[in-house]
Protein backbone atom coordinates (compact mmCIF):
# COMPACT_ATOMS: atom_id res chain seq x y z
CA MET A 1 63.40 -6.63 -5.65
CA THR A 2 64.78 -3.10 -6.03
CA THR A 3 63.79 -0.37 -3.66
CA HIS A 4 63.48 3.09 -5.07
CA PRO A 5 64.45 6.03 -2.91
CA SER A 6 61.62 8.06 -1.50
CA TYR A 7 61.90 11.69 -2.53
CA LEU A 8 60.25 14.55 -0.68
CA LYS A 9 59.34 16.97 -3.48
CA HIS A 10 56.21 18.97 -2.48
CA HIS A 11 56.82 18.19 1.20
CA PHE A 12 57.54 20.41 4.17
CA LEU A 13 60.75 20.00 6.16
CA ILE A 14 60.15 20.88 9.80
CA ALA A 15 63.27 21.90 11.72
CA MET A 16 63.61 20.00 14.97
CA PRO A 17 64.02 22.17 18.10
CA HIS A 18 67.71 21.24 18.46
CA MET A 19 68.61 22.54 14.96
CA ALA A 20 71.71 24.65 15.62
CA ASP A 21 72.30 26.06 12.12
CA PRO A 22 71.17 29.72 12.29
CA ASN A 23 70.00 29.51 8.66
CA PHE A 24 67.54 26.74 9.51
CA GLY A 25 66.72 26.86 13.23
CA HIS A 26 62.93 27.11 13.76
CA THR A 27 62.22 26.98 10.03
CA LEU A 28 59.60 25.40 7.83
CA ILE A 29 60.86 24.64 4.34
CA TYR A 30 58.83 23.85 1.25
CA LEU A 31 60.78 21.41 -0.94
CA VAL A 32 60.53 22.56 -4.55
CA GLU A 33 62.70 19.67 -5.80
CA HIS A 34 64.26 16.55 -4.33
CA ASN A 35 65.88 13.88 -6.47
CA ALA A 36 69.06 11.81 -6.77
CA GLU A 37 71.12 14.95 -7.42
CA GLY A 38 69.99 16.77 -4.27
CA ALA A 39 67.26 19.14 -3.17
CA MET A 40 66.10 22.74 -3.36
CA GLY A 41 63.62 24.40 -1.04
CA LEU A 42 62.32 27.70 0.28
CA VAL A 43 62.08 28.75 3.91
CA VAL A 44 58.43 29.81 4.18
CA ASN A 45 58.16 31.13 7.74
CA ARG A 46 60.92 33.73 8.03
CA PRO A 47 59.88 37.24 6.91
CA SER A 48 62.94 39.26 5.86
CA GLY A 49 61.66 42.65 6.97
CA LEU A 50 61.34 43.73 3.32
CA ASN A 51 58.02 44.05 1.51
CA LEU A 52 57.01 43.86 -2.13
CA ALA A 53 57.10 47.66 -2.47
CA ASP A 54 60.79 47.63 -1.46
CA VAL A 55 61.56 45.13 -4.22
CA LEU A 56 59.44 46.89 -6.84
CA GLU A 57 61.19 50.21 -6.12
CA GLN A 58 64.41 48.48 -7.24
CA LEU A 59 62.88 46.74 -10.27
CA ARG A 60 60.70 49.63 -11.51
CA PRO A 61 62.29 52.79 -10.04
CA ASP A 62 60.27 55.04 -12.36
CA GLN A 63 56.91 53.70 -11.13
CA MET A 64 55.46 54.12 -7.64
CA PRO A 65 54.38 50.69 -6.26
CA PRO A 66 50.74 50.39 -5.20
CA VAL A 67 50.33 51.01 -1.46
CA THR A 68 49.01 47.44 -1.01
CA CYS A 69 52.50 46.14 -1.87
CA ARG A 70 53.73 47.43 1.49
CA GLU A 71 51.55 44.74 3.10
CA VAL A 72 53.17 41.88 1.14
CA PRO A 73 56.09 40.44 3.09
CA ILE A 74 59.21 39.12 1.38
CA TYR A 75 60.57 35.95 3.01
CA THR A 76 64.17 34.89 3.50
CA GLY A 77 64.00 31.76 1.34
CA GLY A 78 67.46 30.50 2.28
CA PRO A 79 71.16 31.32 2.27
CA VAL A 80 71.83 30.60 -1.44
CA GLN A 81 71.51 33.35 -4.10
CA THR A 82 69.86 35.77 -1.68
CA ASP A 83 69.38 38.35 -4.45
CA ARG A 84 67.25 35.97 -6.53
CA GLY A 85 63.48 36.08 -6.18
CA PHE A 86 61.03 33.18 -6.10
CA VAL A 87 57.24 33.33 -6.15
CA LEU A 88 55.42 30.23 -4.95
CA HIS A 89 51.75 30.17 -6.00
CA PRO A 90 48.95 27.75 -6.93
CA ALA A 91 49.31 26.20 -10.39
CA GLY A 92 47.43 27.91 -13.20
CA SER A 93 49.24 31.23 -13.54
CA HIS A 94 52.15 31.17 -15.99
CA TYR A 95 54.88 33.74 -16.36
CA GLN A 96 58.12 33.99 -18.35
CA ALA A 97 59.83 31.53 -15.99
CA THR A 98 57.31 29.26 -14.26
CA LEU A 99 57.89 25.69 -13.14
CA THR A 100 54.76 23.65 -12.38
CA LEU A 101 55.18 21.50 -9.27
CA GLY A 102 51.83 19.71 -9.30
CA SER A 103 49.25 21.76 -7.42
CA LEU A 104 51.76 24.61 -6.99
CA SER A 105 54.03 26.55 -9.33
CA LEU A 106 57.28 28.43 -8.81
CA SER A 107 57.92 31.57 -10.84
CA THR A 108 61.30 33.26 -10.97
CA SER A 109 60.70 36.07 -13.44
CA GLN A 110 59.95 39.70 -12.64
CA ASP A 111 56.68 39.62 -14.57
CA SER A 112 55.14 37.50 -11.78
CA LEU A 113 55.93 40.24 -9.25
CA PHE A 114 54.58 42.93 -11.57
CA ALA A 115 51.35 40.92 -12.06
CA ILE A 116 50.89 40.62 -8.29
CA ALA A 117 51.56 44.33 -7.80
CA ASP A 118 49.14 45.28 -10.59
CA GLY A 119 46.36 43.02 -9.25
CA ARG A 120 46.62 40.53 -12.14
CA GLY A 121 48.61 37.87 -10.31
CA PRO A 122 47.61 34.84 -8.27
CA GLN A 123 45.47 35.52 -5.19
CA ARG A 124 47.60 33.22 -3.04
CA PHE A 125 51.39 33.49 -3.19
CA LEU A 126 54.59 33.67 -1.19
CA VAL A 127 57.59 35.73 -2.32
CA ALA A 128 61.07 34.76 -1.15
CA LEU A 129 64.61 35.93 -1.77
CA GLY A 130 67.20 33.14 -1.83
CA TYR A 131 66.77 29.42 -1.43
CA ALA A 132 68.11 26.44 0.48
CA GLY A 133 70.05 23.77 -1.38
CA TRP A 134 71.34 20.32 -0.46
CA GLU A 135 73.77 18.00 -2.22
CA ALA A 136 72.89 14.42 -3.16
CA GLY A 137 72.04 12.41 -0.03
CA GLN A 138 72.41 15.38 2.32
CA ILE A 139 68.73 15.72 3.29
CA GLU A 140 68.43 11.98 3.77
CA ALA A 141 71.43 12.05 6.14
CA GLU A 142 70.03 15.05 8.06
CA ILE A 143 66.63 13.35 8.44
CA ALA A 144 68.37 10.17 9.65
CA GLU A 145 70.15 12.35 12.26
CA ASN A 146 66.75 13.70 13.41
CA ALA A 147 67.44 17.26 12.24
CA TRP A 148 64.15 17.40 10.30
CA LEU A 149 60.67 15.96 10.25
CA SER A 150 58.83 15.85 6.94
CA CYS A 151 55.20 15.86 5.92
CA PRO A 152 53.26 16.50 2.71
CA ALA A 153 53.02 20.22 1.99
CA ASP A 154 49.68 21.83 2.74
CA PRO A 155 48.87 24.95 0.67
CA ASP A 156 46.55 26.18 3.45
CA ILE A 157 49.47 26.28 5.90
CA LEU A 158 51.67 27.89 3.26
CA PHE A 159 49.31 30.64 2.11
CA ASP A 160 46.63 31.14 4.77
CA LEU A 161 48.44 31.08 8.12
CA PRO A 162 50.60 33.88 9.52
CA ALA A 163 54.33 33.10 9.21
CA GLY A 164 54.72 32.56 12.95
CA GLU A 165 52.11 29.77 12.99
CA ARG A 166 53.28 27.74 9.99
CA LEU A 167 55.99 25.65 11.67
CA ASP A 168 53.76 24.47 14.54
CA ALA A 169 50.83 23.84 12.16
CA ALA A 170 52.96 21.63 9.91
CA ALA A 171 54.24 19.70 12.94
CA ALA A 172 50.67 19.37 14.26
CA SER A 173 49.66 17.79 10.93
CA LEU A 174 51.94 14.92 12.01
CA GLY A 175 50.53 14.92 15.55
CA VAL A 176 53.73 16.51 16.90
CA ASN A 177 53.89 19.42 19.35
CA LEU A 178 57.36 20.93 18.88
CA GLY A 179 57.02 22.70 22.23
CA LEU A 180 57.02 19.35 23.99
CA LEU A 181 60.19 18.13 22.28
CA SER A 182 63.47 18.77 24.02
CA SER A 183 65.92 21.05 22.30
CA GLN A 184 68.69 18.87 23.76
CA VAL A 185 70.06 15.95 21.81
CA GLY A 186 70.83 12.88 23.87
CA HIS A 187 69.93 9.35 24.73
CA ALA A 188 67.50 8.08 27.30
């Protein structure tokens, strides 16, 4: 009997309290892809300090962004290609570069940002710059070392909760209170 590896596409990765890597400490990651070649995900709880208006001013310098765009945070999606934008949104809206991930889609083309700014885009979305990437077997090894917990992704956590509540809400979906876990690694 052959066992097939279990892949975590469309799952959250929940950083354990002892995660020392500054790129990933206290993060919640949505895994866009996970297969035999590796994984790609977006940090979904770390606002960058930029907003959609800041990005649109660079992309369409001749057009003033709608004032509502100042209320749309841009997230730090990860340390790889930090100048590349990603829009995570419910499936159904299609743009020049949209990948359907089941109930969600990932768009990487500027037209998705313009549609959001112009009120023609998806109602629920998350915009990130950069992504997190792992080589083949790397996530599996990190999970085995207790660096991450994983659970199925919940669009309500992703789109409806403030960024600061997402990590604890994802952990709570597993019955885990991260505040009660020690940030020290050791043995009993």
